[in-house]
Protein backbone atom coordinates (compact mmCIF):
# COMPACT_ATOMS: atom_id res chain seq x y z
CA MET A 1 -54.06 -66.00 36.57
CA ASN A 2 -50.51 -64.65 35.49
CA SER A 3 -50.52 -65.74 31.95
CA THR A 4 -52.77 -64.85 28.74
CA ILE A 5 -55.06 -67.82 28.01
CA THR A 6 -56.38 -68.46 24.53
CA SER A 7 -58.66 -71.05 23.48
CA LYS A 8 -58.91 -73.01 20.35
CA THR A 9 -62.21 -74.89 19.38
CA SER A 10 -61.66 -78.30 17.76
CA SER A 11 -63.85 -79.34 14.91
CA SER A 12 -63.66 -82.79 15.68
CA PRO A 13 -66.53 -84.35 17.93
CA LEU A 14 -64.23 -86.82 19.41
CA THR A 15 -61.99 -84.15 21.07
CA SER A 16 -62.53 -81.78 24.08
CA PRO A 17 -64.50 -78.72 22.94
CA ALA A 18 -61.91 -76.19 24.14
CA ALA A 19 -58.26 -76.75 24.54
CA THR A 20 -56.31 -73.84 26.56
CA ILE A 21 -52.89 -72.67 25.33
CA LEU A 22 -50.80 -70.47 28.15
CA SER A 23 -48.79 -67.75 26.79
CA PRO A 24 -46.05 -67.10 29.22
CA CYS A 25 -45.37 -63.49 30.49
CA ALA A 26 -42.53 -61.60 28.97
CA ALA A 27 -40.18 -62.30 31.70
CA CYS A 28 -40.47 -66.03 31.48
CA LYS A 29 -40.40 -66.05 27.58
CA ILE A 30 -36.90 -64.02 27.77
CA LEU A 31 -35.70 -66.23 30.47
CA ARG A 32 -36.65 -69.32 28.70
CA ARG A 33 -38.54 -71.02 31.53
CA ARG A 34 -42.11 -72.23 32.16
CA CYS A 35 -44.36 -69.41 33.45
CA SER A 36 -46.23 -70.88 36.67
CA GLU A 37 -49.56 -69.91 38.13
CA LYS A 38 -47.65 -68.24 40.97
CA CYS A 39 -44.89 -66.36 38.79
CA ILE A 40 -44.35 -63.23 40.60
CA LEU A 41 -43.25 -61.26 37.45
CA ALA A 42 -46.42 -62.10 35.24
CA PRO A 43 -48.76 -59.38 36.47
CA TYR A 44 -46.19 -56.73 35.74
CA PHE A 45 -44.55 -57.92 32.47
CA PRO A 46 -47.22 -59.05 30.11
CA PRO A 47 -46.29 -60.91 27.09
CA SER A 48 -47.26 -57.68 24.74
CA GLU A 49 -44.35 -55.78 26.49
CA PRO A 50 -41.28 -57.81 26.18
CA LEU A 51 -38.80 -54.76 26.04
CA LYS A 52 -39.99 -53.74 29.31
CA PHE A 53 -38.55 -56.78 31.10
CA THR A 54 -35.45 -56.86 28.88
CA THR A 55 -34.35 -53.41 29.76
CA ALA A 56 -34.99 -54.22 33.62
CA HIS A 57 -33.33 -57.54 33.16
CA ARG A 58 -30.16 -55.95 31.63
CA VAL A 59 -29.52 -53.42 34.20
CA PHE A 60 -30.52 -55.25 37.39
CA GLY A 61 -30.81 -59.00 36.59
CA ALA A 62 -33.84 -61.22 37.04
CA SER A 63 -33.11 -62.54 40.28
CA ASN A 64 -32.58 -59.08 41.85
CA ILE A 65 -36.11 -57.94 40.45
CA ILE A 66 -37.66 -61.24 41.77
CA LYS A 67 -35.95 -60.66 45.37
CA LEU A 68 -36.99 -56.90 45.35
CA LEU A 69 -40.75 -57.96 44.46
CA GLN A 70 -40.78 -60.64 46.92
CA GLU A 71 -39.79 -58.24 49.84
CA LEU A 72 -42.74 -55.75 49.05
CA PRO A 73 -46.33 -56.11 49.66
CA GLU A 74 -48.52 -56.64 46.74
CA SER A 75 -49.97 -53.11 46.83
CA GLN A 76 -46.44 -51.56 46.29
CA ARG A 77 -45.15 -53.90 43.60
CA GLY A 78 -46.68 -52.19 40.59
CA ASP A 79 -45.00 -48.74 41.56
CA ALA A 80 -41.76 -50.64 42.32
CA VAL A 81 -41.85 -52.19 38.62
CA SER A 82 -42.44 -48.87 37.09
CA SER A 83 -39.51 -47.41 39.04
CA ILE A 84 -37.27 -50.28 38.18
CA VAL A 85 -38.06 -49.89 34.48
CA TYR A 86 -37.70 -46.24 34.43
CA GLU A 87 -34.31 -46.37 36.22
CA ALA A 88 -33.32 -49.08 33.97
CA ASN A 89 -34.22 -46.94 30.70
CA ALA A 90 -32.33 -44.10 32.39
CA ARG A 91 -29.35 -46.37 33.03
CA MET A 92 -29.28 -47.42 29.50
CA ARG A 93 -29.24 -43.79 28.36
CA ASP A 94 -26.80 -42.55 30.99
CA PRO A 95 -24.90 -45.34 32.41
CA VAL A 96 -22.89 -43.33 35.16
CA TYR A 97 -25.66 -41.04 36.48
CA GLY A 98 -28.92 -42.78 35.53
CA CYS A 99 -32.14 -41.15 36.86
CA ALA A 100 -29.85 -38.80 39.03
CA GLY A 101 -28.47 -37.18 35.87
CA ALA A 102 -31.93 -36.60 34.45
CA ILE A 103 -32.97 -35.08 37.97
CA CYS A 104 -29.78 -32.84 37.96
CA LEU A 105 -30.48 -31.71 34.49
CA LEU A 106 -34.04 -30.89 35.24
CA GLN A 107 -33.04 -28.91 38.38
CA LYS A 108 -30.48 -26.98 36.29
CA GLN A 109 -33.12 -26.16 33.85
CA VAL A 110 -35.42 -24.95 36.61
CA ALA A 111 -32.80 -22.83 38.07
CA GLU A 112 -32.03 -21.23 34.71
CA LEU A 113 -35.72 -20.48 34.06
CA GLN A 114 -36.21 -19.16 37.49
CA ALA A 115 -33.10 -16.64 37.03
CA GLN A 116 -34.75 -15.94 33.38
CA LEU A 117 -38.05 -15.14 35.07
CA ALA A 118 -36.32 -12.73 37.59
CA ARG A 119 -34.42 -10.87 34.90
CA SER A 120 -37.90 -10.50 33.10
CA GLN A 121 -39.60 -9.13 36.17
CA ALA A 122 -36.78 -6.69 36.80
CA GLU A 123 -36.84 -5.52 33.24
CA LEU A 124 -40.62 -5.42 33.37
CA LEU A 125 -40.42 -3.14 36.82
CA ALA A 126 -37.63 -1.02 35.18
CA VAL A 127 -40.16 -0.20 32.12
CA GLU A 128 -43.02 0.39 34.35
CA THR A 129 -40.78 2.91 36.49
CA GLN A 130 -39.64 4.44 33.22
CA ARG A 131 -43.20 4.89 32.00
CA ALA A 132 -44.24 6.40 35.23
CA HIS A 133 -41.37 8.97 35.40
CA LEU A 134 -42.06 9.86 31.48
CA LEU A 135 -45.87 10.45 32.30
CA ALA A 136 -44.86 12.70 35.34
CA VAL A 137 -42.39 14.74 33.17
CA LEU A 138 -45.00 14.88 30.38
CA CYS A 139 -47.67 16.15 32.88
CA MET A 140 -44.96 18.80 34.35
CA GLU A 141 -44.26 20.00 30.76
CA MET A 142 -48.09 20.19 30.15
CA ALA A 143 -48.72 22.09 33.08
CA SER A 144 -45.63 24.72 32.60
CA SER A 145 -46.67 25.22 29.02
CA SER A 146 -50.39 25.65 29.91
CA SER A 147 -49.23 28.19 32.46
CA GLN A 148 -46.89 30.15 30.59
CA GLN A 149 -49.96 30.53 27.87
CA LEU A 150 -52.40 31.41 30.64
CA GLN A 151 -50.24 33.86 32.06
CA TRP A 152 -49.90 35.89 28.91
CA ALA A 153 -53.57 35.92 28.43
CA ASP A 154 -55.04 36.08 31.95
CA PRO A 155 -54.01 39.30 34.21
CA ASN A 156 -54.63 37.37 37.32
CA PRO A 157 -51.82 34.44 37.02
CA LEU A 158 -52.55 32.94 40.44
CA GLN A 159 -56.03 32.28 39.77
CA SER A 160 -55.07 30.89 36.41
CA HIS A 161 -52.40 28.65 37.79
CA ASP A 162 -54.92 26.97 40.12
CA PHE A 163 -57.24 26.50 37.53
CA LEU A 164 -54.37 24.86 35.43
CA LEU A 165 -53.55 22.45 38.23
CA ASP A 166 -57.23 21.64 38.45
CA GLN A 167 -57.12 20.71 34.71
CA VAL A 168 -53.86 18.66 35.03
CA ASP A 169 -55.18 16.86 38.12
CA ALA A 170 -58.33 16.02 36.09
CA ALA A 171 -56.42 15.10 33.11
CA HIS A 172 -54.03 12.91 35.21
CA GLY A 173 -56.92 11.51 37.14
CA ALA A 174 -58.81 10.45 33.78
CA MET A 175 -55.55 8.90 32.54
CA ILE A 176 -55.26 7.03 35.77
CA TRP A 177 -59.11 5.92 35.22
CA GLU A 178 -58.60 4.85 31.79
CA GLU A 179 -55.43 2.82 32.80
CA THR A 180 -57.05 0.99 35.50
CA LEU A 181 -60.10 0.62 33.36
CA TRP A 182 -58.52 -0.94 30.27
CA SER A 183 -55.48 -2.71 31.39
């Protein structure tokens, strides 16, 4: 059934117990016509949503909407009405471009966000490279300062240098271990 049915019960025993009142769909109500059982618009424009049909009617016209729905199989009509209403709302906001304007704006925003993401990734890579470089310089400084201290204290500098490198490698390995463990 295409329209809403409400029933009223009569208190008089002489009249029928239930009289039905048909409420026309929003399309028929706006077009001021009688809503029939076979109204093609009723399932998609319920009486509780008159603005939905009003907007679509202003942009496309009732006859064009009816023709479009008649050409489609019933399984696709709901999606078609959703698209018509969406396009009508977009045309009301932007009469020139409609949905295409909204799509273009969204594509522009996506492109801007992709560029921002690429810049952020490049900046992150630069910071990580700088960190690695600073860590290498720090290790080299520690190695050179430790080797100078050991050379003064140890009569065999070659052996103490090897020991220092082992300590730096061990310390560097511990730093790497901590990084992978905690990051």
